[in-house]
């Protein structure tokens, strides 16, 4: 379970070795981004969800607490493109700096597609923070697990905010 929440240093260094190979390759920047996404993806800790918008909670509630189509994870601090530009455009990063950048900017917020497309800044009132180490909304790059435990978690949030909808 611990490796699901935070990768051990062996895993980190293995992925860093992929980064170093990708960095040194003659791949286009777009291809480097895609390969790095695959190297970092498909992990339970990847694209970790650290928050959910109230609108996403309401959308799940409206769908009988099942994951509806149209929810998306947003790399809210900075886009993956910008993160990957940082790690590939300049000098090759040391392991420590690479991991610091990758881990910091890999966190996501679960939101509706409409909120995602608006790219507006979320306020404290829009967002419920989630301790990612509790293991909710595990990822697999594009998809996401939504377990019975996640349903109950969202139901509990909904019950506490159901009168907040404007």
N, C-alpha and C. Protein backbone atom coordinates (compact mmCIF):
# COMPACT_ATOMS: atom_id res chain seq x y z
N UNK A 1 0.83 -1.20 0.00
CA UNK A 1 0.00 0.00 0.00
C UNK A 1 0.87 1.26 0.00
N UNK A 2 1.97 1.25 0.75
CA UNK A 2 2.83 2.43 0.82
C UNK A 2 3.35 2.84 -0.55
N UNK A 3 3.77 1.87 -1.37
CA UNK A 3 4.26 2.17 -2.73
C UNK A 3 3.14 2.75 -3.60
N UNK A 4 1.89 2.44 -3.27
CA UNK A 4 0.76 3.02 -4.00
C UNK A 4 0.61 4.51 -3.72
N UNK A 5 1.05 4.94 -2.56
CA UNK A 5 0.88 6.33 -2.13
C UNK A 5 2.09 7.18 -2.53
N UNK A 6 3.27 6.63 -2.35
CA UNK A 6 4.49 7.35 -2.65
C UNK A 6 5.53 6.34 -3.12
N UNK A 7 6.11 6.55 -4.28
CA UNK A 7 7.06 5.56 -4.80
C UNK A 7 8.35 5.52 -3.99
N UNK A 8 8.87 4.33 -3.81
CA UNK A 8 10.15 4.22 -3.09
C UNK A 8 11.28 4.75 -3.98
N UNK A 9 12.44 4.92 -3.39
CA UNK A 9 13.55 5.53 -4.13
C UNK A 9 14.01 4.66 -5.29
N UNK A 10 13.88 3.35 -5.17
CA UNK A 10 14.25 2.47 -6.29
C UNK A 10 13.37 2.77 -7.50
N UNK A 11 12.07 2.92 -7.28
CA UNK A 11 11.15 3.25 -8.37
C UNK A 11 11.47 4.63 -8.93
N UNK A 12 11.69 5.60 -8.05
CA UNK A 12 12.02 6.95 -8.49
C UNK A 12 13.27 6.93 -9.37
N UNK A 13 14.29 6.25 -8.93
CA UNK A 13 15.55 6.23 -9.69
C UNK A 13 15.41 5.48 -11.01
N UNK A 14 14.58 4.45 -11.02
CA UNK A 14 14.33 3.73 -12.27
C UNK A 14 13.67 4.68 -13.28
N UNK A 15 12.66 5.41 -12.84
CA UNK A 15 11.98 6.35 -13.73
C UNK A 15 12.93 7.48 -14.13
N UNK A 16 13.79 7.90 -13.21
CA UNK A 16 14.79 8.92 -13.55
C UNK A 16 15.72 8.42 -14.65
N UNK A 17 16.07 7.13 -14.60
CA UNK A 17 16.94 6.60 -15.66
C UNK A 17 16.24 6.68 -17.02
N UNK A 18 14.91 6.48 -17.04
CA UNK A 18 14.15 6.69 -18.28
C UNK A 18 14.23 8.15 -18.70
N UNK A 19 14.05 9.05 -17.72
CA UNK A 19 14.14 10.49 -18.01
C UNK A 19 15.49 10.80 -18.67
N UNK A 20 16.57 10.28 -18.10
CA UNK A 20 17.91 10.56 -18.63
C UNK A 20 18.04 10.06 -20.07
N UNK A 21 17.52 8.87 -20.34
CA UNK A 21 17.56 8.34 -21.71
C UNK A 21 16.71 9.19 -22.67
N UNK A 22 15.54 9.57 -22.21
CA UNK A 22 14.65 10.39 -23.04
C UNK A 22 15.30 11.75 -23.28
N UNK A 23 15.86 12.33 -22.23
CA UNK A 23 16.52 13.64 -22.34
C UNK A 23 17.62 13.60 -23.40
N UNK A 24 18.43 12.56 -23.39
CA UNK A 24 19.56 12.45 -24.30
C UNK A 24 19.15 12.04 -25.73
N UNK A 25 17.91 11.61 -25.89
CA UNK A 25 17.47 11.14 -27.20
C UNK A 25 17.31 12.30 -28.18
N UNK A 26 17.14 11.95 -29.44
CA UNK A 26 16.87 12.97 -30.45
C UNK A 26 15.36 13.07 -30.73
N UNK A 27 14.54 12.58 -29.79
CA UNK A 27 13.09 12.68 -29.92
C UNK A 27 12.67 14.15 -29.94
N UNK A 28 11.57 14.41 -30.62
CA UNK A 28 10.99 15.76 -30.55
C UNK A 28 10.52 16.01 -29.12
N UNK A 29 10.34 17.28 -28.78
CA UNK A 29 9.87 17.62 -27.44
C UNK A 29 8.50 16.98 -27.18
N UNK A 30 7.63 16.97 -28.17
CA UNK A 30 6.31 16.36 -28.00
C UNK A 30 6.43 14.87 -27.69
N UNK A 31 7.33 14.18 -28.37
CA UNK A 31 7.51 12.76 -28.11
C UNK A 31 8.13 12.54 -26.73
N UNK A 32 9.06 13.40 -26.34
CA UNK A 32 9.65 13.29 -25.00
C UNK A 32 8.56 13.42 -23.94
N UNK A 33 7.65 14.38 -24.13
CA UNK A 33 6.54 14.55 -23.19
C UNK A 33 5.69 13.29 -23.12
N UNK A 34 5.37 12.71 -24.27
CA UNK A 34 4.52 11.52 -24.31
C UNK A 34 5.19 10.33 -23.63
N UNK A 35 6.46 10.13 -23.90
CA UNK A 35 7.17 9.01 -23.30
C UNK A 35 7.30 9.20 -21.79
N UNK A 36 7.54 10.43 -21.36
CA UNK A 36 7.64 10.72 -19.93
C UNK A 36 6.29 10.50 -19.25
N UNK A 37 5.21 10.88 -19.91
CA UNK A 37 3.87 10.63 -19.36
C UNK A 37 3.67 9.14 -19.13
N UNK A 38 4.08 8.33 -20.10
CA UNK A 38 3.95 6.88 -19.95
C UNK A 38 4.85 6.35 -18.83
N UNK A 39 6.06 6.88 -18.71
CA UNK A 39 6.98 6.42 -17.67
C UNK A 39 6.47 6.75 -16.27
N UNK A 40 5.86 7.91 -16.13
CA UNK A 40 5.34 8.33 -14.83
C UNK A 40 3.92 7.84 -14.58
N UNK A 41 3.24 7.49 -15.64
CA UNK A 41 1.84 7.09 -15.50
C UNK A 41 1.70 5.63 -15.13
N UNK A 42 0.47 5.19 -15.12
CA UNK A 42 0.15 3.81 -14.81
C UNK A 42 0.62 3.41 -13.42
N UNK A 43 0.71 4.38 -12.55
CA UNK A 43 1.09 4.15 -11.15
C UNK A 43 -0.06 4.65 -10.28
N UNK A 44 -0.32 3.97 -9.19
CA UNK A 44 -1.40 4.39 -8.30
C UNK A 44 -1.15 5.78 -7.72
N UNK A 45 0.10 6.17 -7.60
CA UNK A 45 0.43 7.47 -7.03
C UNK A 45 0.48 8.57 -8.10
N UNK A 46 0.40 8.19 -9.36
CA UNK A 46 0.48 9.17 -10.44
C UNK A 46 -0.79 10.01 -10.53
N UNK A 47 -0.64 11.25 -10.88
CA UNK A 47 -1.75 12.19 -11.01
C UNK A 47 -2.60 12.16 -9.74
N UNK A 48 -1.93 12.19 -8.59
CA UNK A 48 -2.63 12.06 -7.31
C UNK A 48 -3.62 13.19 -7.11
N UNK A 49 -4.78 12.84 -6.62
CA UNK A 49 -5.85 13.81 -6.41
C UNK A 49 -5.71 14.41 -5.01
N UNK A 50 -5.51 15.73 -4.97
CA UNK A 50 -5.35 16.45 -3.69
C UNK A 50 -6.54 17.35 -3.39
N UNK A 51 -7.54 17.32 -4.28
CA UNK A 51 -8.74 18.12 -4.05
C UNK A 51 -9.83 17.75 -5.03
N UNK A 52 -11.04 18.11 -4.67
CA UNK A 52 -12.19 17.89 -5.54
C UNK A 52 -13.06 19.14 -5.46
N UNK A 53 -13.57 19.58 -6.59
CA UNK A 53 -14.42 20.77 -6.56
C UNK A 53 -15.80 20.38 -6.04
N UNK A 54 -16.46 21.35 -5.44
CA UNK A 54 -17.82 21.10 -4.96
C UNK A 54 -18.72 20.71 -6.12
N UNK A 55 -18.51 21.33 -7.27
CA UNK A 55 -19.34 21.00 -8.44
C UNK A 55 -19.15 19.55 -8.84
N UNK A 56 -17.94 19.02 -8.74
CA UNK A 56 -17.70 17.61 -9.04
C UNK A 56 -18.43 16.72 -8.03
N UNK A 57 -18.42 17.12 -6.76
CA UNK A 57 -19.16 16.36 -5.73
C UNK A 57 -20.64 16.33 -6.08
N UNK A 58 -21.21 17.48 -6.45
CA UNK A 58 -22.63 17.54 -6.81
C UNK A 58 -22.92 16.66 -8.04
N UNK A 59 -22.01 16.67 -9.00
CA UNK A 59 -22.19 15.86 -10.22
C UNK A 59 -22.20 14.37 -9.87
N UNK A 60 -21.31 13.95 -8.97
CA UNK A 60 -21.27 12.55 -8.54
C UNK A 60 -22.56 12.20 -7.79
N UNK A 61 -23.01 13.10 -6.92
CA UNK A 61 -24.25 12.87 -6.17
C UNK A 61 -25.43 12.73 -7.12
N UNK A 62 -25.49 13.56 -8.15
CA UNK A 62 -26.58 13.50 -9.13
C UNK A 62 -26.56 12.18 -9.91
N UNK A 63 -25.41 11.53 -9.94
CA UNK A 63 -25.26 10.26 -10.66
C UNK A 63 -25.32 9.08 -9.69
N UNK A 64 -26.07 9.26 -8.60
CA UNK A 64 -26.25 8.20 -7.60
C UNK A 64 -24.91 7.73 -7.01
N UNK A 65 -24.02 8.65 -6.83
CA UNK A 65 -22.70 8.41 -6.24
C UNK A 65 -21.88 7.39 -7.02
N UNK A 66 -22.07 7.42 -8.32
CA UNK A 66 -21.21 6.67 -9.24
C UNK A 66 -20.45 7.71 -10.05
N UNK A 67 -19.28 7.34 -10.50
CA UNK A 67 -18.44 8.28 -11.24
C UNK A 67 -19.08 8.60 -12.59
N UNK A 68 -19.49 9.85 -12.80
CA UNK A 68 -20.13 10.20 -14.07
C UNK A 68 -19.08 10.49 -15.15
N UNK A 69 -19.52 10.42 -16.39
CA UNK A 69 -18.64 10.85 -17.48
C UNK A 69 -18.42 12.35 -17.33
N UNK A 70 -17.30 12.81 -17.79
CA UNK A 70 -17.05 14.24 -17.81
C UNK A 70 -16.29 14.79 -16.63
N UNK A 71 -15.91 13.95 -15.66
CA UNK A 71 -15.03 14.46 -14.61
C UNK A 71 -13.59 14.34 -15.08
N UNK A 72 -12.78 15.31 -14.73
CA UNK A 72 -11.40 15.32 -15.20
C UNK A 72 -10.48 15.71 -14.06
N UNK A 73 -9.24 15.27 -14.18
CA UNK A 73 -8.21 15.69 -13.24
C UNK A 73 -7.41 16.81 -13.89
N UNK A 74 -7.19 17.86 -13.13
CA UNK A 74 -6.47 19.02 -13.63
C UNK A 74 -5.17 19.18 -12.85
N UNK A 75 -4.06 19.28 -13.56
CA UNK A 75 -2.78 19.61 -12.92
C UNK A 75 -2.83 21.10 -12.59
N UNK A 76 -3.42 21.40 -11.45
CA UNK A 76 -3.82 22.76 -11.12
C UNK A 76 -2.65 23.71 -10.85
N UNK A 77 -1.53 23.21 -10.41
CA UNK A 77 -0.40 24.11 -10.14
C UNK A 77 0.28 24.56 -11.43
N UNK A 78 0.37 23.63 -12.38
CA UNK A 78 1.03 23.91 -13.66
C UNK A 78 0.75 22.75 -14.60
N UNK A 79 0.56 23.04 -15.85
CA UNK A 79 0.26 21.98 -16.82
C UNK A 79 1.43 21.01 -16.93
N UNK A 80 1.10 19.77 -17.30
CA UNK A 80 2.16 18.78 -17.54
C UNK A 80 3.09 19.27 -18.63
N UNK A 81 2.55 19.94 -19.64
CA UNK A 81 3.38 20.47 -20.73
C UNK A 81 4.46 21.39 -20.18
N UNK A 82 4.08 22.31 -19.31
CA UNK A 82 5.07 23.24 -18.73
C UNK A 82 6.08 22.51 -17.85
N UNK A 83 5.60 21.52 -17.10
CA UNK A 83 6.52 20.74 -16.26
C UNK A 83 7.52 20.00 -17.13
N UNK A 84 7.03 19.36 -18.18
CA UNK A 84 7.92 18.60 -19.05
C UNK A 84 8.83 19.52 -19.86
N UNK A 85 8.35 20.70 -20.21
CA UNK A 85 9.23 21.68 -20.85
C UNK A 85 10.40 22.01 -19.92
N UNK A 86 10.09 22.18 -18.62
CA UNK A 86 11.15 22.50 -17.66
C UNK A 86 12.19 21.39 -17.58
N UNK A 87 11.75 20.15 -17.57
CA UNK A 87 12.72 19.06 -17.38
C UNK A 87 13.46 18.69 -18.65
N UNK A 88 12.93 19.08 -19.82
CA UNK A 88 13.58 18.70 -21.08
C UNK A 88 14.25 19.85 -21.83
N UNK A 89 13.85 21.09 -21.63
CA UNK A 89 14.37 22.19 -22.45
C UNK A 89 15.71 22.73 -21.97
N UNK A 90 15.95 22.72 -20.69
CA UNK A 90 17.20 23.26 -20.16
C UNK A 90 18.23 22.16 -19.97
N UNK A 91 19.13 22.40 -19.02
CA UNK A 91 20.12 21.38 -18.69
C UNK A 91 19.44 20.17 -18.07
N UNK A 92 20.05 19.02 -18.24
CA UNK A 92 19.51 17.82 -17.61
C UNK A 92 19.55 18.01 -16.10
N UNK A 93 18.43 17.69 -15.46
CA UNK A 93 18.31 17.88 -14.02
C UNK A 93 18.96 16.74 -13.26
N UNK A 94 19.46 17.06 -12.08
CA UNK A 94 19.93 16.00 -11.18
C UNK A 94 18.72 15.19 -10.73
N UNK A 95 18.97 14.02 -10.21
CA UNK A 95 17.89 13.18 -9.72
C UNK A 95 17.04 13.95 -8.71
N UNK A 96 17.70 14.58 -7.75
CA UNK A 96 16.97 15.27 -6.68
C UNK A 96 16.10 16.38 -7.23
N UNK A 97 16.63 17.22 -8.12
CA UNK A 97 15.85 18.32 -8.68
C UNK A 97 14.73 17.79 -9.57
N UNK A 98 15.02 16.77 -10.38
CA UNK A 98 14.02 16.18 -11.25
C UNK A 98 12.84 15.67 -10.42
N UNK A 99 13.14 14.90 -9.36
CA UNK A 99 12.06 14.35 -8.55
C UNK A 99 11.26 15.45 -7.86
N UNK A 100 11.93 16.47 -7.37
CA UNK A 100 11.25 17.60 -6.73
C UNK A 100 10.22 18.23 -7.69
N UNK A 101 10.64 18.47 -8.91
CA UNK A 101 9.76 19.09 -9.91
C UNK A 101 8.62 18.15 -10.29
N UNK A 102 8.97 16.92 -10.60
CA UNK A 102 7.96 15.95 -11.05
C UNK A 102 6.92 15.72 -9.96
N UNK A 103 7.34 15.50 -8.73
CA UNK A 103 6.40 15.20 -7.65
C UNK A 103 5.52 16.42 -7.35
N UNK A 104 6.12 17.58 -7.25
CA UNK A 104 5.35 18.77 -6.91
C UNK A 104 4.23 19.03 -7.93
N UNK A 105 4.54 18.95 -9.19
CA UNK A 105 3.58 19.35 -10.22
C UNK A 105 2.71 18.21 -10.75
N UNK A 106 2.81 17.04 -10.15
CA UNK A 106 1.99 15.92 -10.59
C UNK A 106 0.64 15.86 -9.87
N UNK A 107 0.45 16.69 -8.86
CA UNK A 107 -0.83 16.63 -8.14
C UNK A 107 -1.96 17.23 -8.97
N UNK A 108 -3.17 16.71 -8.74
CA UNK A 108 -4.33 17.12 -9.53
C UNK A 108 -5.53 17.43 -8.64
N UNK A 109 -6.48 18.12 -9.26
CA UNK A 109 -7.79 18.41 -8.67
C UNK A 109 -8.83 17.73 -9.55
N UNK A 110 -9.78 17.03 -8.93
CA UNK A 110 -10.88 16.42 -9.67
C UNK A 110 -11.97 17.46 -9.85
N UNK A 111 -12.37 17.67 -11.11
CA UNK A 111 -13.36 18.70 -11.43
C UNK A 111 -14.20 18.29 -12.62
N UNK A 112 -15.23 19.08 -12.89
CA UNK A 112 -16.07 18.81 -14.06
C UNK A 112 -15.32 19.26 -15.32
N UNK A 113 -15.75 18.71 -16.44
CA UNK A 113 -15.15 19.10 -17.72
C UNK A 113 -15.35 20.59 -17.97
N UNK A 114 -16.49 21.11 -17.57
CA UNK A 114 -16.77 22.54 -17.76
C UNK A 114 -15.80 23.39 -16.95
N UNK A 115 -15.57 23.01 -15.70
CA UNK A 115 -14.62 23.75 -14.88
C UNK A 115 -13.22 23.66 -15.47
N UNK A 116 -12.88 22.49 -15.97
CA UNK A 116 -11.56 22.29 -16.56
C UNK A 116 -11.36 23.15 -17.80
N UNK A 117 -12.38 23.21 -18.64
CA UNK A 117 -12.25 23.99 -19.88
C UNK A 117 -12.24 25.50 -19.62
N UNK A 118 -12.84 25.93 -18.53
CA UNK A 118 -12.86 27.37 -18.21
C UNK A 118 -11.51 27.87 -17.71
N UNK A 119 -10.69 26.95 -17.20
CA UNK A 119 -9.35 27.29 -16.70
C UNK A 119 -9.36 28.48 -15.73
N UNK A 120 -10.41 28.57 -14.95
CA UNK A 120 -10.48 29.66 -13.99
C UNK A 120 -9.79 29.25 -12.69
N UNK A 121 -9.38 30.25 -11.95
CA UNK A 121 -8.75 29.99 -10.66
C UNK A 121 -9.82 29.56 -9.66
N UNK A 122 -9.57 28.46 -8.98
CA UNK A 122 -10.49 27.99 -7.97
C UNK A 122 -10.27 28.76 -6.67
N UNK A 123 -11.35 29.04 -5.99
CA UNK A 123 -11.25 29.69 -4.68
C UNK A 123 -11.37 28.63 -3.60
N UNK A 124 -11.08 29.00 -2.38
CA UNK A 124 -11.23 28.08 -1.25
C UNK A 124 -12.66 27.58 -1.16
N UNK A 125 -13.62 28.41 -1.56
CA UNK A 125 -15.03 28.03 -1.51
C UNK A 125 -15.40 26.99 -2.57
N UNK A 126 -14.63 26.89 -3.65
CA UNK A 126 -14.91 25.95 -4.74
C UNK A 126 -14.38 24.54 -4.47
N UNK A 127 -13.47 24.41 -3.54
CA UNK A 127 -12.62 23.24 -3.46
C UNK A 127 -12.65 22.58 -2.09
N UNK A 128 -12.65 21.27 -2.09
CA UNK A 128 -12.47 20.50 -0.87
C UNK A 128 -11.10 19.82 -1.00
N UNK A 129 -10.21 20.10 -0.06
CA UNK A 129 -8.89 19.49 -0.10
C UNK A 129 -8.99 18.03 0.33
N UNK A 130 -8.13 17.21 -0.26
CA UNK A 130 -8.10 15.77 0.03
C UNK A 130 -6.67 15.39 0.38
N UNK A 131 -6.53 14.64 1.45
CA UNK A 131 -5.23 14.08 1.81
C UNK A 131 -4.99 12.88 0.88
N UNK A 132 -4.11 13.05 -0.09
CA UNK A 132 -3.91 12.01 -1.10
C UNK A 132 -3.44 10.70 -0.47
N UNK A 133 -2.79 10.77 0.70
CA UNK A 133 -2.28 9.55 1.31
C UNK A 133 -3.40 8.62 1.81
N UNK A 134 -4.63 9.12 1.83
CA UNK A 134 -5.76 8.27 2.20
C UNK A 134 -6.12 7.33 1.05
N UNK A 135 -5.59 7.57 -0.13
CA UNK A 135 -5.74 6.65 -1.24
C UNK A 135 -7.03 6.76 -2.03
N UNK A 136 -7.65 7.93 -2.03
CA UNK A 136 -8.87 8.11 -2.81
C UNK A 136 -8.55 8.45 -4.26
N UNK A 137 -9.41 7.98 -5.16
CA UNK A 137 -9.34 8.30 -6.59
C UNK A 137 -7.99 7.91 -7.19
N UNK A 138 -7.61 6.67 -6.98
CA UNK A 138 -6.35 6.19 -7.52
C UNK A 138 -6.36 6.31 -9.03
N UNK A 139 -5.19 6.47 -9.59
CA UNK A 139 -5.13 6.77 -11.02
C UNK A 139 -4.45 5.68 -11.82
N UNK A 140 -4.65 5.80 -13.10
CA UNK A 140 -3.94 5.00 -14.09
C UNK A 140 -3.88 5.86 -15.35
N UNK A 141 -3.22 6.99 -15.25
CA UNK A 141 -3.09 8.03 -16.26
C UNK A 141 -4.47 8.57 -16.63
N UNK A 142 -5.08 8.11 -17.70
CA UNK A 142 -6.33 8.71 -18.14
C UNK A 142 -7.48 8.30 -17.24
N UNK A 143 -7.55 7.03 -16.87
CA UNK A 143 -8.65 6.56 -16.06
C UNK A 143 -8.42 6.80 -14.58
N UNK A 144 -9.38 6.33 -13.79
CA UNK A 144 -9.26 6.50 -12.36
C UNK A 144 -10.13 5.46 -11.69
N UNK A 145 -9.63 4.90 -10.59
CA UNK A 145 -10.44 3.98 -9.80
C UNK A 145 -11.46 4.79 -9.01
N UNK A 146 -12.64 4.24 -8.85
CA UNK A 146 -13.67 4.87 -8.02
C UNK A 146 -14.34 3.75 -7.24
N UNK A 147 -13.79 3.46 -6.08
CA UNK A 147 -14.20 2.32 -5.27
C UNK A 147 -15.43 2.64 -4.42
N UNK A 148 -15.96 1.61 -3.77
CA UNK A 148 -17.06 1.82 -2.81
C UNK A 148 -16.62 2.79 -1.72
N UNK A 149 -15.39 2.67 -1.31
CA UNK A 149 -14.85 3.57 -0.28
C UNK A 149 -14.83 5.01 -0.79
N UNK A 150 -14.49 5.21 -2.08
CA UNK A 150 -14.52 6.55 -2.67
C UNK A 150 -15.95 7.08 -2.72
N UNK A 151 -16.89 6.21 -3.07
CA UNK A 151 -18.30 6.64 -3.10
C UNK A 151 -18.74 7.14 -1.73
N UNK A 152 -18.39 6.38 -0.70
CA UNK A 152 -18.78 6.79 0.65
C UNK A 152 -18.08 8.10 1.04
N UNK A 153 -16.84 8.23 0.64
CA UNK A 153 -16.08 9.46 0.91
C UNK A 153 -16.78 10.66 0.28
N UNK A 154 -17.20 10.54 -0.97
CA UNK A 154 -17.89 11.63 -1.66
C UNK A 154 -19.27 11.86 -1.04
N UNK A 155 -19.94 10.80 -0.67
CA UNK A 155 -21.26 10.94 -0.01
C UNK A 155 -21.11 11.75 1.28
N UNK A 156 -20.07 11.46 2.06
CA UNK A 156 -19.83 12.21 3.30
C UNK A 156 -19.56 13.69 3.01
N UNK A 157 -18.78 13.96 1.98
CA UNK A 157 -18.53 15.35 1.59
C UNK A 157 -19.84 16.00 1.17
N UNK A 158 -20.59 15.32 0.32
CA UNK A 158 -21.86 15.86 -0.17
C UNK A 158 -22.79 16.22 0.99
N UNK A 159 -22.90 15.33 1.97
CA UNK A 159 -23.77 15.60 3.11
C UNK A 159 -23.35 16.84 3.87
N UNK A 160 -22.05 17.13 3.87
CA UNK A 160 -21.58 18.30 4.61
C UNK A 160 -21.69 19.60 3.80
N UNK A 161 -21.85 19.49 2.46
CA UNK A 161 -21.89 20.71 1.63
C UNK A 161 -23.16 20.87 0.82
N UNK A 162 -24.11 19.97 0.96
CA UNK A 162 -25.26 19.96 0.06
C UNK A 162 -26.02 21.28 0.04
N UNK A 163 -25.93 22.09 1.06
CA UNK A 163 -26.62 23.37 1.07
C UNK A 163 -25.76 24.51 0.50
N UNK A 164 -24.54 24.17 0.04
CA UNK A 164 -23.62 25.20 -0.47
C UNK A 164 -23.84 25.53 -1.94
N UNK A 165 -24.59 24.74 -2.64
CA UNK A 165 -24.73 24.96 -4.09
C UNK A 165 -25.42 26.28 -4.36
N UNK A 166 -24.81 27.05 -5.23
CA UNK A 166 -25.37 28.37 -5.53
C UNK A 166 -26.24 28.34 -6.76
